[in-house]
Amino acid sequence: MLFSLPDSGLVIRSTVQKGLNKDGSSNAEEGTSLDLYMNSLDDLIEHINM
C-alpha cells in the first residue's frame, strides 16, 4: 500500500497484511531476537577475534 503525506508529498509504503513467521508469531510484534548477547565491548572484541 502506498500513500503520500499531505504536507511534504513524501510517499510511504506499508504492508496491508501482517505477515507471520513459521511458528505463527508476528515479527512486527515480537521483533527480532539477538543471536549473541555481550556484556561488554571487551567480550565482543574477544568473540570477534576467536
Protein backbone atom coordinates (compact mmCIF):
# COMPACT_ATOMS: atom_id res chain seq x y z
CA MET A 1 0.00 0.00 0.00
CA LEU A 2 1.38 3.39 -0.97
CA PHE A 3 0.23 6.71 0.41
CA SER A 4 1.65 10.21 0.41
CA LEU A 5 1.96 12.59 3.32
CA PRO A 6 -0.20 15.68 2.81
CA ASP A 7 2.31 18.46 3.60
CA SER A 8 5.55 17.04 2.18
CA GLY A 9 4.18 14.76 -0.53
CA LEU A 10 6.59 12.07 0.68
CA VAL A 11 5.40 8.64 -0.45
CA ILE A 12 5.28 5.93 2.22
CA ARG A 13 4.96 2.20 1.59
CA SER A 14 3.31 -0.05 4.17
CA THR A 15 2.13 -3.62 4.19
CA VAL A 16 -1.61 -4.15 4.19
CA GLN A 17 -1.48 -7.55 5.83
CA LYS A 18 0.55 -8.69 8.81
CA GLY A 19 2.96 -11.46 7.85
CA LEU A 20 3.57 -14.32 10.24
CA ASN A 21 6.64 -16.43 10.98
CA LYS A 22 6.56 -20.21 10.50
CA ASP A 23 5.63 -20.70 14.17
CA GLY A 24 2.68 -18.28 13.89
CA SER A 25 4.32 -15.40 15.76
CA SER A 26 4.48 -11.89 14.35
CA ASN A 27 7.90 -10.30 13.85
CA ALA A 28 6.23 -6.87 13.88
CA GLU A 29 5.04 -7.50 17.46
CA GLU A 30 7.91 -9.57 18.87
CA GLY A 31 10.83 -8.09 16.94
CA THR A 32 14.00 -9.95 16.07
CA SER A 33 15.92 -11.50 18.95
CA LEU A 34 19.67 -11.26 19.09
CA ASP A 35 21.85 -14.26 18.32
CA LEU A 36 24.61 -13.06 20.66
CA TYR A 37 24.47 -11.19 23.94
CA MET A 38 27.62 -9.38 25.04
CA ASN A 39 28.13 -7.86 28.47
CA SER A 40 30.89 -5.51 27.39
CA LEU A 41 32.85 -4.24 24.43
CA ASP A 42 35.78 -6.40 25.56
CA ASP A 43 33.58 -9.51 25.34
CA LEU A 44 32.55 -8.53 21.81
CA ILE A 45 36.16 -7.97 20.72
CA GLU A 46 37.17 -11.32 22.23
CA HIS A 47 34.34 -13.05 20.34
CA ILE A 48 35.34 -11.40 17.05
CA ASN A 49 38.97 -12.45 17.49
CA MET A 50 38.11 -16.14 18.06
